[in-house]
Protein backbone atom coordinates (compact mmCIF):
# COMPACT_ATOMS: atom_id res chain seq x y z
CA MET A 1 -0.13 -43.03 -26.97
CA ALA A 2 2.56 -40.62 -25.76
CA LYS A 3 4.69 -38.62 -28.14
CA TYR A 4 8.34 -38.04 -27.47
CA TYR A 5 10.16 -34.96 -28.67
CA THR A 6 13.90 -34.66 -28.57
CA PRO A 7 15.19 -31.59 -26.72
CA MET A 8 15.93 -28.58 -28.86
CA PRO A 9 19.64 -27.88 -29.35
CA LYS A 10 20.86 -25.06 -27.09
CA LYS A 11 21.96 -22.89 -30.05
CA GLU A 12 18.50 -23.13 -31.59
CA ALA A 13 16.79 -22.41 -28.25
CA ASP A 14 19.05 -19.36 -27.71
CA ARG A 15 18.30 -18.08 -31.23
CA ILE A 16 14.55 -18.38 -30.72
CA GLN A 17 14.80 -16.77 -27.28
CA LYS A 18 16.65 -13.78 -28.78
CA GLN A 19 14.01 -13.45 -31.50
CA LEU A 20 11.24 -13.51 -28.90
CA LEU A 21 13.00 -10.83 -26.83
CA ARG A 22 13.44 -8.73 -30.00
CA ALA A 23 9.72 -9.08 -30.72
CA LEU A 24 8.90 -8.00 -27.16
CA ASP A 25 11.29 -5.06 -27.42
CA SER A 26 9.92 -3.89 -30.76
CA GLN A 27 6.39 -4.09 -29.32
CA ALA A 28 7.46 -1.87 -26.41
CA VAL A 29 8.94 0.63 -28.90
CA ARG A 30 5.58 0.72 -30.75
CA VAL A 31 3.70 1.22 -27.48
CA LYS A 32 5.95 4.15 -26.53
CA LYS A 33 5.53 5.69 -29.99
CA THR A 34 1.73 5.39 -29.75
CA PHE A 35 1.68 7.05 -26.32
CA ASP A 36 4.07 9.79 -27.50
CA GLU A 37 1.77 10.56 -30.46
CA LEU A 38 -1.25 10.59 -28.12
CA VAL A 39 0.21 13.31 -25.87
CA ALA A 40 1.96 15.35 -28.60
CA PRO A 41 -0.80 18.01 -28.82
CA TRP A 42 -1.04 18.43 -25.05
CA ASN A 43 0.00 21.74 -23.45
CA HIS A 44 2.53 20.08 -21.17
CA ASN A 45 5.32 17.61 -21.86
CA VAL A 46 4.61 13.98 -20.91
CA HIS A 47 7.70 11.79 -20.82
CA PHE A 48 7.38 8.03 -21.37
CA ILE A 49 10.22 5.68 -20.45
CA LYS A 50 10.80 2.40 -22.26
CA GLU A 51 12.70 0.13 -19.95
CA ARG A 52 15.34 -2.27 -21.19
CA THR A 53 13.92 -5.57 -22.41
CA ARG A 54 15.52 -8.40 -20.48
CA LEU A 55 15.17 -12.02 -19.56
CA ILE A 56 14.50 -12.80 -15.91
CA GLY A 57 14.32 -16.55 -15.38
CA ASN A 58 12.22 -17.70 -18.32
CA ASP A 59 10.21 -14.49 -18.55
CA GLY A 60 10.77 -11.74 -21.08
CA LYS A 61 10.21 -8.42 -19.31
CA THR A 62 9.87 -4.83 -20.45
CA ALA A 63 7.80 -1.80 -19.51
CA VAL A 64 6.66 1.56 -20.84
CA THR A 65 5.95 3.90 -17.95
CA THR A 66 5.29 7.52 -17.08
CA PHE A 67 5.05 9.44 -13.84
CA ASP A 68 2.76 12.13 -15.28
CA ALA A 69 -0.22 12.73 -12.96
CA PRO A 70 -2.58 14.21 -15.61
CA PHE A 71 -1.98 11.19 -17.86
CA PHE A 72 -2.79 8.90 -14.93
CA PHE A 73 -5.99 10.81 -14.02
CA LEU A 74 -7.20 10.72 -17.61
CA ASP A 75 -6.26 7.07 -18.08
CA GLN A 76 -7.83 5.81 -14.85
CA GLY A 77 -10.55 8.45 -14.45
CA THR A 78 -11.69 10.03 -11.20
CA SER A 79 -14.91 9.82 -9.20
CA VAL A 80 -15.05 13.60 -8.60
CA ARG A 81 -13.16 16.70 -9.69
CA TYR A 82 -12.89 20.18 -8.28
CA ALA A 83 -11.65 21.90 -11.41
CA VAL A 84 -14.08 24.24 -13.13
CA MET A 85 -13.62 24.23 -16.88
CA SER A 86 -14.35 27.11 -19.26
CA ASN A 87 -17.60 27.27 -21.19
CA PRO A 88 -17.58 25.91 -23.86
CA PHE A 89 -15.24 23.03 -23.07
CA VAL A 90 -14.42 20.07 -25.32
CA PRO A 91 -11.72 17.64 -24.11
CA LYS A 92 -8.77 16.81 -26.37
CA THR A 93 -9.19 13.07 -25.82
CA THR A 94 -12.02 10.56 -25.64
CA PRO A 95 -12.31 7.19 -23.89
CA LYS A 96 -10.78 4.17 -25.65
CA SER A 97 -9.17 6.22 -28.43
CA PHE A 98 -5.49 6.98 -29.04
CA LYS A 99 -6.30 10.21 -30.90
CA SER A 100 -5.84 13.65 -29.44
CA GLY A 101 -7.65 16.60 -30.97
CA LYS A 102 -7.39 20.32 -30.44
CA GLY A 103 -10.10 20.52 -27.83
CA VAL A 104 -11.84 23.74 -26.82
CA GLY A 105 -11.39 25.70 -23.61
CA GLY A 106 -9.53 24.56 -20.55
CA PHE A 107 -9.07 24.94 -16.81
CA ARG A 108 -10.72 28.03 -15.37
CA ARG A 109 -10.50 27.78 -11.58
CA MET A 110 -10.67 25.44 -8.58
CA SER A 111 -13.94 25.04 -6.70
CA ARG A 112 -14.98 23.73 -3.31
CA THR A 113 -17.98 22.08 -4.95
CA PRO A 114 -17.34 18.60 -6.35
CA TYR A 115 -18.26 18.00 -9.98
CA PRO A 116 -18.67 14.72 -11.83
CA GLY A 117 -15.29 13.04 -12.28
CA ILE A 118 -13.13 12.53 -15.34
CA LYS A 119 -14.25 9.69 -17.63
CA ALA A 120 -11.53 7.04 -17.75
CA ARG A 121 -9.79 6.91 -21.14
CA LYS A 122 -8.45 3.39 -20.41
CA TRP A 123 -5.47 3.80 -22.74
CA THR A 124 -3.31 1.32 -20.84
CA ASN A 125 -6.06 -1.34 -20.87
CA LEU A 126 -6.64 -0.87 -24.59
CA MET A 127 -2.89 -0.92 -25.26
CA ALA A 128 -2.54 -4.17 -23.30
CA LEU A 129 -5.15 -5.80 -25.53
CA LEU A 130 -3.66 -4.48 -28.78
CA ALA A 131 -0.03 -5.08 -27.85
CA GLY A 132 -0.82 -8.51 -26.44
CA ALA A 133 -2.61 -9.58 -29.62
CA ASP A 134 0.18 -8.18 -31.81
CA LEU A 135 2.87 -9.88 -29.75
CA SER A 136 0.92 -13.17 -29.78
CA ASN A 137 0.92 -13.05 -33.57
CA SER A 138 4.68 -12.40 -33.59
CA VAL A 139 5.28 -15.30 -31.22
CA ARG A 140 3.04 -17.57 -33.28
CA LEU A 141 5.03 -16.71 -36.44
CA LEU A 142 8.38 -17.23 -34.70
CA THR A 143 7.40 -20.58 -33.24
CA SER A 144 5.15 -21.97 -35.99
CA GLY A 145 7.76 -24.35 -37.40
CA LEU A 146 8.96 -25.82 -34.12
CA TYR A 147 6.42 -28.60 -33.63
CA SER A 148 4.03 -28.75 -36.53
CA ASP A 149 1.71 -31.35 -34.96
CA THR A 150 1.22 -29.71 -31.54
CA LYS A 151 -0.11 -26.45 -30.20
CA LEU A 152 2.76 -24.57 -28.62
CA GLN A 153 1.89 -22.40 -25.67
CA VAL A 154 4.34 -19.62 -24.94
CA SER A 155 4.29 -18.66 -21.29
CA GLY A 156 6.40 -16.21 -19.35
CA LEU A 157 5.47 -13.16 -21.41
CA PRO A 158 3.11 -11.31 -19.05
CA ILE A 159 1.96 -8.67 -21.54
CA ARG A 160 -0.99 -7.29 -19.57
CA LYS A 161 1.18 -6.73 -16.49
CA PHE A 162 3.79 -4.74 -18.33
CA PHE A 163 1.62 -2.73 -20.71
CA SER A 164 -1.20 -1.91 -18.33
CA GLY A 165 0.84 -0.24 -15.63
């Protein structure tokens, strides 16, 4: 037996769309704040850019990006490195954690001998999971009263693409 739903009035659809875009935008602001706090203790300035949240077709789109090479190397990891670190050396960050500590030591010199690479911190992957789950909860709350007897699937919000770089 098929169920028939009357189309949502345009005003109501526009209102919900604006709320969804606001939820996406506020999530991007939280992502930027988390990344800013992560790099605050670093010795160099890392600048993150939160792009304008917009609607393209039926998709809500936003991004938090950086062009900082050290952030990229730490996030993605490397297979080898040629930097020789001081002894003792303790990194400021650890994999899968958004906390930065003081660390001990630092860069000493470049070498021709390859050393084991940098362990990937995977911040963007972790952020995609956390931000995606948080945004899903926001969407579920915003849309919970629309059709009480059906499961509503919200598509067009490609969270992983925009929060994982």
